Amino acid sequence: MDDLPELIRLAGRTALLRRARPPDLDGLVELHRRCSAETLRRRFLGAPQTSGRALGCLVSQHATHTQLAMAGAEVVGAGSVFQAADPAELAFLVRDDWQGRGLGRALLRRLAKAAVADGVRAVCLHTYADNAVVRHLLDSYGLPGRGSIADGVLTVRVDHQVIGSSATP
């Protein structure tokens, strides 16, 4: 992936998508601080990990590829592919006031491109089984919204062939 920033328009708002860097850590901490408890619960499947220390891996660029959505100087969304495991794990977070505008879809597209470029063979995504928003997002990309469910958590695994086709919907 070329990592070039991309300017997008979403429902009357403009955001810049770009790769995270170490100086972005404070913005990521602020993103998490400005999300509702419910948004954080859905992202972290329980107790949120929002300290600077916990979020430091998102900007380290070591075994993690994180894309940010910027509105001016504010981080309004972030998505990551954590490549330390096999399959790699995909996760993203969109600030409450930016949800429902297509930002998650744009982040997913960028993350799919990054995963393919980085040679990721498969990704998995964990979400609550009743998370209709994420299930709709997966369906809109033609990704299987089905997987295994344990303790109310849906785990979807997507192989690299499907990831590659989802990078350019």
Foldseek 3Di string as FASTA:
>chain_A
DPQDWDWDDWPNAIWIKGWAAQVCLVLQLVLVVQADPVLQCFQVVHDHDRDSVSCNVRHPPPQKTKMFIGRDPHTQKMWMFRRPDVQTEIGMGGHPVCPPGCPVLVRLLVRLVVCVVVPRFKYKYKGFLPPVVVLVSCVVLVHDSAADDDPRMGMGMDGNVSSVSSNPD
